[in-house]
Amino acid sequence: MTGGYLDLGYRTFTDSDLGDVFNLNGSGELAFNRAFSVQLDLGGYRFQDLGENATNWTLHANWHTSKNASFGAFYGQESIDSLDVEFYGLETGFDAGPAEVEGYIARQQLSDFSDVDGNMFGVSVTADLNDKWEFTASYDLVNDVLGVLDFDLFALGANYAASDNAEVYGILGVAHISSPIVSGNTNEAYIGVGVRMNFGNERGTTFGRRGVFDKLPGLPGL
């Protein structure tokens, strides 16, 4: 085992009608040699306004081409309210000195409903300010969620190292939502806070979490 983490977080739209979500996630990575490793992510989510729980698992196959560059492929499934979503894609990450850049592209669809599918795309940057503080910026696109929701998510955040292995974080973002559930197109702000405990490698695992529900700051009650 080369690394892992546990993460407890909360996100909410500033417009309370759009919902919020609690998350508890964990991940671990197993290396076969210097070049290849596998990573397993597990997660649970509670969408309060929707009154539903969701689960997530994602398996990554990672190829480390150098000390500063990694590539991967991933497959995962999520479940909510008897609906199953599967997703798969490619990802890459680069360590550029004081900054780390990560990106992914994927497809997602409702299991047993091949005509209800969509795309996922994301890129994130983490930059060290000093030994204690680092700043983050990210963009994620998730469209045709359950066939009715399109999300574009922009977020800025800050992480504070409370100890060698523990950090607290906060994010401030804006979601562009297109859906008949929220009466067309709208831009809504959201915030998030959490605590993360890393094990092994400083960053825990090679790649971040993937999935549809993992990206959403909340879902409105239907």
C-alpha atoms as a PDB file:
ATOM      1  CA  MET A   1       0.000   0.000   0.000  1.00  0.00           C
ATOM      2  CA  THR A   2       1.504   3.327  -1.070  1.00  0.00           C
ATOM      3  CA  GLY A   3      -1.176   5.702   0.169  1.00  0.00           C
ATOM      4  CA  GLY A   4      -4.774   6.407   1.051  1.00  0.00           C
ATOM      5  CA  TYR A   5      -7.116   8.867   2.738  1.00  0.00           C
ATOM      6  CA  LEU A   6     -10.404   9.387   4.554  1.00  0.00           C
ATOM      7  CA  ASP A   7     -12.495  12.465   3.756  1.00  0.00           C
ATOM      8  CA  LEU A   8     -15.551  13.886   5.522  1.00  0.00           C
ATOM      9  CA  GLY A   9     -17.198  16.878   3.865  1.00  0.00           C
ATOM     10  CA  TYR A  10     -20.315  18.985   3.406  1.00  0.00           C
ATOM     11  CA  ARG A  11     -21.449  21.102   0.455  1.00  0.00           C
ATOM     12  CA  THR A  12     -24.529  23.238  -0.003  1.00  0.00           C
ATOM     13  CA  PHE A  13     -25.998  25.699  -2.464  1.00  0.00           C
ATOM     14  CA  THR A  14     -26.490  29.162  -1.041  1.00  0.00           C
ATOM     15  CA  ASP A  15     -30.020  28.872  -2.427  1.00  0.00           C
ATOM     16  CA  SER A  16     -31.377  26.320   0.030  1.00  0.00           C
ATOM     17  CA  ASP A  17     -34.042  25.137  -2.435  1.00  0.00           C
ATOM     18  CA  LEU A  18     -31.312  23.429  -4.485  1.00  0.00           C
ATOM     19  CA  GLY A  19     -30.205  21.082  -1.727  1.00  0.00           C
ATOM     20  CA  ASP A  20     -27.014  20.026   0.016  1.00  0.00           C
ATOM     21  CA  VAL A  21     -24.908  16.895   0.513  1.00  0.00           C
ATOM     22  CA  PHE A  22     -22.783  15.235   3.196  1.00  0.00           C
ATOM     23  CA  ASN A  23     -20.020  12.891   2.043  1.00  0.00           C
ATOM     24  CA  LEU A  24     -17.797  10.266   3.650  1.00  0.00           C
ATOM     25  CA  ASN A  25     -15.129   8.917   1.291  1.00  0.00           C
ATOM     26  CA  GLY A  26     -12.072   6.722   1.485  1.00  0.00           C
ATOM     27  CA  SER A  27      -9.417   5.570  -0.958  1.00  0.00           C
ATOM     28  CA  GLY A  28      -6.396   3.301  -1.050  1.00  0.00           C
ATOM     29  CA  GLU A  29      -3.671   2.601  -3.617  1.00  0.00           C
ATOM     30  CA  LEU A  30      -1.655  -0.578  -4.159  1.00  0.00           C
ATOM     31  CA  ALA A  31       1.559  -0.463  -6.241  1.00  0.00           C
ATOM     32  CA  PHE A  32       2.838  -3.504  -8.129  1.00  0.00           C
ATOM     33  CA  ASN A  33       6.090  -1.726  -9.034  1.00  0.00           C
ATOM     34  CA  ARG A  34       7.306   1.813  -9.740  1.00  0.00           C
ATOM     35  CA  ALA A  35       5.287   2.044 -12.964  1.00  0.00           C
ATOM     36  CA  PHE A  36       1.906   0.444 -12.211  1.00  0.00           C
ATOM     37  CA  SER A  37      -0.632   0.690  -9.408  1.00  0.00           C
ATOM     38  CA  VAL A  38      -4.355   0.294  -8.766  1.00  0.00           C
ATOM     39  CA  GLN A  39      -6.530   2.645  -6.732  1.00  0.00           C
ATOM     40  CA  LEU A  40      -9.939   1.934  -5.191  1.00  0.00           C
ATOM     41  CA  ASP A  41     -12.267   4.755  -4.093  1.00  0.00           C
ATOM     42  CA  LEU A  42     -15.352   4.198  -1.935  1.00  0.00           C
ATOM     43  CA  GLY A  43     -17.888   6.853  -1.017  1.00  0.00           C
ATOM     44  CA  GLY A  44     -21.214   7.508   0.637  1.00  0.00           C
ATOM     45  CA  TYR A  45     -23.400  10.603   0.147  1.00  0.00           C
ATOM     46  CA  ARG A  46     -26.483  11.936   1.888  1.00  0.00           C
ATOM     47  CA  PHE A  47     -28.598  14.383  -0.163  1.00  0.00           C
ATOM     48  CA  GLN A  48     -30.626  16.009   2.595  1.00  0.00           C
ATOM     49  CA  ASP A  49     -33.301  17.849   0.612  1.00  0.00           C
ATOM     50  CA  LEU A  50     -33.800  14.892  -1.706  1.00  0.00           C
ATOM     51  CA  GLY A  51     -33.926  12.570   1.296  1.00  0.00           C
ATOM     52  CA  GLU A  52     -31.773   9.956  -0.422  1.00  0.00           C
ATOM     53  CA  ASN A  53     -28.453   8.200   0.140  1.00  0.00           C
ATOM     54  CA  ALA A  54     -26.009   7.461  -2.671  1.00  0.00           C
ATOM     55  CA  THR A  55     -22.978   5.171  -2.842  1.00  0.00           C
ATOM     56  CA  ASN A  56     -19.948   5.202  -5.116  1.00  0.00           C
ATOM     57  CA  TRP A  57     -17.055   2.909  -5.988  1.00  0.00           C
ATOM     58  CA  THR A  58     -14.340   3.612  -8.543  1.00  0.00           C
ATOM     59  CA  LEU A  59     -11.405   1.466  -9.650  1.00  0.00           C
ATOM     60  CA  HIS A  60      -8.377   3.169 -11.264  1.00  0.00           C
ATOM     61  CA  ALA A  61      -5.521   1.530 -13.180  1.00  0.00           C
ATOM     62  CA  ASN A  62      -2.538   3.897 -12.949  1.00  0.00           C
ATOM     63  CA  TRP A  63       0.579   4.106 -15.101  1.00  0.00           C
ATOM     64  CA  HIS A  64       3.410   6.276 -13.761  1.00  0.00           C
ATOM     65  CA  THR A  65       5.560   7.226 -16.754  1.00  0.00           C
ATOM     66  CA  SER A  66       7.945   9.341 -14.677  1.00  0.00           C
ATOM     67  CA  LYS A  67       8.297  10.850 -11.219  1.00  0.00           C
ATOM     68  CA  ASN A  68       6.192  13.826 -12.319  1.00  0.00           C
ATOM     69  CA  ALA A  69       3.615  12.311 -14.705  1.00  0.00           C
ATOM     70  CA  SER A  70       0.869   9.687 -14.353  1.00  0.00           C
ATOM     71  CA  PHE A  71      -1.862   8.382 -16.644  1.00  0.00           C
ATOM     72  CA  GLY A  72      -4.838   6.243 -15.787  1.00  0.00           C
ATOM     73  CA  ALA A  73      -8.101   4.601 -16.801  1.00  0.00           C
ATOM     74  CA  PHE A  74     -11.046   4.232 -14.443  1.00  0.00           C
ATOM     75  CA  TYR A  75     -14.433   2.557 -14.146  1.00  0.00           C
ATOM     76  CA  GLY A  76     -17.036   3.062 -11.456  1.00  0.00           C
ATOM     77  CA  GLN A  77     -20.657   2.745 -10.408  1.00  0.00           C
ATOM     78  CA  GLU A  78     -23.005   4.813  -8.257  1.00  0.00           C
ATOM     79  CA  SER A  79     -26.434   4.028  -6.860  1.00  0.00           C
ATOM     80  CA  ILE A  80     -29.245   6.248  -5.625  1.00  0.00           C
ATOM     81  CA  ASP A  81     -32.936   5.485  -5.059  1.00  0.00           C
ATOM     82  CA  SER A  82     -32.730   2.121  -6.921  1.00  0.00           C
ATOM     83  CA  LEU A  83     -31.028   3.841  -9.892  1.00  0.00           C
ATOM     84  CA  ASP A  84     -27.550   2.717 -10.938  1.00  0.00           C
ATOM     85  CA  VAL A  85     -25.128   4.980 -12.817  1.00  0.00           C
ATOM     86  CA  GLU A  86     -21.938   3.665 -14.400  1.00  0.00           C
ATOM     87  CA  PHE A  87     -19.036   5.761 -15.669  1.00  0.00           C
ATOM     88  CA  TYR A  88     -15.653   5.168 -17.276  1.00  0.00           C
ATOM     89  CA  GLY A  89     -12.876   7.303 -18.676  1.00  0.00           C
ATOM     90  CA  LEU A  90      -9.255   8.381 -18.875  1.00  0.00           C
ATOM     91  CA  GLU A  91      -7.242  10.651 -16.575  1.00  0.00           C
ATOM     92  CA  THR A  92      -3.827  12.228 -16.259  1.00  0.00           C
ATOM     93  CA  GLY A  93      -1.839  14.149 -13.682  1.00  0.00           C
ATOM     94  CA  PHE A  94       1.365  16.204 -13.692  1.00  0.00           C
ATOM     95  CA  ASP A  95       3.527  17.552 -10.890  1.00  0.00           C
ATOM     96  CA  ALA A  96       4.937  20.893 -12.043  1.00  0.00           C
ATOM     97  CA  GLY A  97       7.015  21.981  -9.071  1.00  0.00           C
ATOM     98  CA  PRO A  98       4.817  23.979  -6.673  1.00  0.00           C
ATOM     99  CA  ALA A  99       1.664  23.084  -8.657  1.00  0.00           C
ATOM    100  CA  GLU A 100      -0.140  19.840  -9.521  1.00  0.00           C
ATOM    101  CA  VAL A 101      -2.460  19.588 -12.536  1.00  0.00           C
ATOM    102  CA  GLU A 102      -5.017  16.829 -13.013  1.00  0.00           C
ATOM    103  CA  GLY A 103      -7.619  16.194 -15.702  1.00  0.00           C
ATOM    104  CA  TYR A 104     -10.114  13.559 -16.801  1.00  0.00           C
ATOM    105  CA  ILE A 105     -12.705  12.831 -19.490  1.00  0.00           C
ATOM    106  CA  ALA A 106     -15.461  10.258 -19.153  1.00  0.00           C
ATOM    107  CA  ARG A 107     -18.836   8.897 -20.191  1.00  0.00           C
ATOM    108  CA  GLN A 108     -21.659   8.201 -17.764  1.00  0.00           C
ATOM    109  CA  GLN A 109     -25.005   6.478 -18.196  1.00  0.00           C
ATOM    110  CA  LEU A 110     -27.908   4.982 -16.313  1.00  0.00           C
ATOM    111  CA  SER A 111     -27.431   1.214 -16.177  1.00  0.00           C
ATOM    112  CA  ASP A 112     -30.068  -0.602 -18.268  1.00  0.00           C
ATOM    113  CA  PHE A 113     -30.918   2.714 -19.986  1.00  0.00           C
ATOM    114  CA  SER A 114     -28.337   3.132 -22.741  1.00  0.00           C
ATOM    115  CA  ASP A 115     -30.184   6.144 -24.200  1.00  0.00           C
ATOM    116  CA  VAL A 116     -29.789   8.102 -20.912  1.00  0.00           C
ATOM    117  CA  ASP A 117     -26.099   8.947 -21.030  1.00  0.00           C
ATOM    118  CA  GLY A 118     -23.805  11.951 -20.985  1.00  0.00           C
ATOM    119  CA  ASN A 119     -20.278  13.268 -20.743  1.00  0.00           C
ATOM    120  CA  MET A 120     -18.019  14.210 -17.869  1.00  0.00           C
ATOM    121  CA  PHE A 121     -14.927  16.387 -18.017  1.00  0.00           C
ATOM    122  CA  GLY A 122     -12.783  18.054 -15.402  1.00  0.00           C
ATOM    123  CA  VAL A 123      -9.499  19.785 -14.710  1.00  0.00           C
ATOM    124  CA  SER A 124      -8.008  20.915 -11.403  1.00  0.00           C
ATOM    125  CA  VAL A 125      -4.903  22.742 -10.203  1.00  0.00           C
ATOM    126  CA  THR A 126      -3.408  22.657  -6.712  1.00  0.00           C
ATOM    127  CA  ALA A 127      -0.677  25.187  -5.877  1.00  0.00           C
ATOM    128  CA  ASP A 128       1.437  25.318  -2.707  1.00  0.00           C
ATOM    129  CA  LEU A 129       1.682  28.699  -1.011  1.00  0.00           C
ATOM    130  CA  ASN A 130       3.840  27.522   1.910  1.00  0.00           C
ATOM    131  CA  ASP A 131       4.203  24.493   4.194  1.00  0.00           C
ATOM    132  CA  LYS A 132       0.718  25.002   5.614  1.00  0.00           C
ATOM    133  CA  TRP A 133      -1.439  26.469   2.865  1.00  0.00           C
ATOM    134  CA  GLU A 134      -2.325  25.423  -0.666  1.00  0.00           C
ATOM    135  CA  PHE A 135      -4.903  26.799  -3.068  1.00  0.00           C
ATOM    136  CA  THR A 136      -7.083  24.916  -5.521  1.00  0.00           C
ATOM    137  CA  ALA A 137      -9.030  25.749  -8.659  1.00  0.00           C
ATOM    138  CA  SER A 138     -11.248  23.357 -10.595  1.00  0.00           C
ATOM    139  CA  TYR A 139     -13.759  23.063 -13.399  1.00  0.00           C
ATOM    140  CA  ASP A 140     -16.123  20.107 -13.889  1.00  0.00           C
ATOM    141  CA  LEU A 141     -18.764  19.442 -16.530  1.00  0.00           C
ATOM    142  CA  VAL A 142     -21.432  16.802 -15.940  1.00  0.00           C
ATOM    143  CA  ASN A 143     -24.326  16.626 -18.385  1.00  0.00           C
ATOM    144  CA  ASP A 144     -27.517  14.591 -18.628  1.00  0.00           C
ATOM    145  CA  VAL A 145     -27.481  13.559 -14.959  1.00  0.00           C
ATOM    146  CA  LEU A 146     -30.362  11.064 -14.684  1.00  0.00           C
ATOM    147  CA  GLY A 147     -31.463  12.481 -18.031  1.00  0.00           C
ATOM    148  CA  VAL A 148     -32.625  15.816 -16.571  1.00  0.00           C
ATOM    149  CA  LEU A 149     -29.662  17.828 -15.202  1.00  0.00           C
ATOM    150  CA  ASP A 150     -26.646  19.568 -16.769  1.00  0.00           C
ATOM    151  CA  PHE A 151     -23.975  21.035 -14.448  1.00  0.00           C
ATOM    152  CA  ASP A 152     -20.941  23.259 -15.096  1.00  0.00           C
ATOM    153  CA  LEU A 153     -19.026  23.708 -11.838  1.00  0.00           C
ATOM    154  CA  PHE A 154     -16.318  26.326 -11.178  1.00  0.00           C
ATOM    155  CA  ALA A 155     -14.661  26.299  -7.755  1.00  0.00           C
ATOM    156  CA  LEU A 156     -11.828  27.941  -5.825  1.00  0.00           C
ATOM    157  CA  GLY A 157     -10.598  26.566  -2.532  1.00  0.00           C
ATOM    158  CA  ALA A 158      -7.956  26.530   0.171  1.00  0.00           C
ATOM    159  CA  ASN A 159      -6.449  23.646   2.164  1.00  0.00           C
ATOM    160  CA  TYR A 160      -4.760  24.072   5.533  1.00  0.00           C
ATOM    161  CA  ALA A 161      -2.391  21.400   6.890  1.00  0.00           C
ATOM    162  CA  ALA A 162      -3.408  21.014  10.526  1.00  0.00           C
ATOM    163  CA  SER A 163      -0.744  18.300  10.984  1.00  0.00           C
ATOM    164  CA  ASP A 164       1.534  16.118   8.873  1.00  0.00           C
ATOM    165  CA  ASN A 165      -1.392  13.932   7.784  1.00  0.00           C
ATOM    166  CA  ALA A 166      -4.550  15.947   8.432  1.00  0.00           C
ATOM    167  CA  GLU A 167      -5.920  18.934   6.543  1.00  0.00           C
ATOM    168  CA  VAL A 168      -9.061  21.021   6.576  1.00  0.00           C
ATOM    169  CA  TYR A 169     -10.436  22.598   3.448  1.00  0.00           C
ATOM    170  CA  GLY A 170     -13.025  24.998   2.142  1.00  0.00           C
ATOM    171  CA  ILE A 171     -14.350  25.766  -1.328  1.00  0.00           C
ATOM    172  CA  LEU A 172     -16.440  28.484  -2.930  1.00  0.00           C
ATOM    173  CA  GLY A 173     -17.971  27.752  -6.316  1.00  0.00           C
ATOM    174  CA  VAL A 174     -20.552  28.630  -8.921  1.00  0.00           C
ATOM    175  CA  ALA A 175     -22.712  26.067 -10.714  1.00  0.00           C
ATOM    176  CA  HIS A 176     -24.351  26.738 -14.049  1.00  0.00           C
ATOM    177  CA  ILE A 177     -27.410  24.480 -14.039  1.00  0.00           C
ATOM    178  CA  SER A 178     -29.610  23.627 -16.980  1.00  0.00           C
ATOM    179  CA  SER A 179     -32.687  21.604 -16.079  1.00  0.00           C
ATOM    180  CA  PRO A 180     -36.482  21.689 -16.197  1.00  0.00           C
ATOM    181  CA  ILE A 181     -36.347  20.950 -12.445  1.00  0.00           C
ATOM    182  CA  VAL A 182     -34.990  24.449 -11.784  1.00  0.00           C
ATOM    183  CA  SER A 183     -36.976  26.173 -14.559  1.00  0.00           C
ATOM    184  CA  GLY A 184     -34.333  26.490 -17.266  1.00  0.00           C
ATOM    185  CA  ASN A 185     -30.806  27.887 -16.899  1.00  0.00           C
ATOM    186  CA  THR A 186     -29.459  29.411 -13.714  1.00  0.00           C
ATOM    187  CA  ASN A 187     -26.157  30.278 -12.034  1.00  0.00           C
ATOM    188  CA  GLU A 188     -26.021  29.352  -8.356  1.00  0.00           C
ATOM    189  CA  ALA A 189     -23.255  29.753  -5.765  1.00  0.00           C
ATOM    190  CA  TYR A 190     -22.258  26.931  -3.432  1.00  0.00           C
ATOM    191  CA  ILE A 191     -19.830  26.416  -0.570  1.00  0.00           C
ATOM    192  CA  GLY A 192     -18.135  23.404   0.962  1.00  0.00           C
ATOM    193  CA  VAL A 193     -16.039  22.471   3.996  1.00  0.00           C
ATOM    194  CA  GLY A 194     -14.358  19.281   5.111  1.00  0.00           C
ATOM    195  CA  VAL A 195     -11.500  17.458   6.781  1.00  0.00           C
ATOM    196  CA  ARG A 196      -9.186  14.896   5.193  1.00  0.00           C
ATOM    197  CA  MET A 197      -6.718  12.444   6.713  1.00  0.00           C
ATOM    198  CA  ASN A 198      -3.937  11.200   4.393  1.00  0.00           C
ATOM    199  CA  PHE A 199      -1.961   7.995   4.822  1.00  0.00           C
ATOM    200  CA  GLY A 200       1.309   7.007   3.187  1.00  0.00           C
ATOM    201  CA  ASN A 201       2.131   9.360   0.317  1.00  0.00           C
ATOM    202  CA  GLU A 202       1.693  13.042   1.097  1.00  0.00           C
ATOM    203  CA  ARG A 203      -1.216  13.397  -1.335  1.00  0.00           C
ATOM    204  CA  GLY A 204      -2.765  10.059  -0.349  1.00  0.00           C
ATOM    205  CA  THR A 205      -3.463   8.597  -3.792  1.00  0.00           C
ATOM    206  CA  THR A 206      -2.455   9.396  -7.370  1.00  0.00           C
ATOM    207  CA  PHE A 207      -5.842  10.604  -8.636  1.00  0.00           C
ATOM    208  CA  GLY A 208      -8.882  12.309  -7.179  1.00  0.00           C
ATOM    209  CA  ARG A 209     -12.402  10.912  -6.932  1.00  0.00           C
ATOM    210  CA  ARG A 210     -14.621  10.395  -9.951  1.00  0.00           C
ATOM    211  CA  GLY A 211     -18.365  10.059 -10.352  1.00  0.00           C
ATOM    212  CA  VAL A 212     -21.539  11.982 -11.043  1.00  0.00           C
ATOM    213  CA  PHE A 213     -22.848  12.416  -7.503  1.00  0.00           C
ATOM    214  CA  ASP A 214     -19.378  13.115  -6.121  1.00  0.00           C
ATOM    215  CA  LYS A 215     -19.284  16.352  -8.140  1.00  0.00           C
ATOM    216  CA  LEU A 216     -22.730  17.697  -7.305  1.00  0.00           C
ATOM    217  CA  PRO A 217     -23.082  20.240  -4.454  1.00  0.00           C
ATOM    218  CA  GLY A 218     -26.637  19.066  -3.898  1.00  0.00           C
ATOM    219  CA  LEU A 219     -29.846  17.845  -5.498  1.00  0.00           C
ATOM    220  CA  PRO A 220     -33.238  19.489  -5.058  1.00  0.00           C
ATOM    221  CA  GLY A 221     -36.089  17.553  -3.511  1.00  0.00           C
ATOM    222  CA  LEU A 222     -38.371  16.221  -6.213  1.00  0.00           C
END
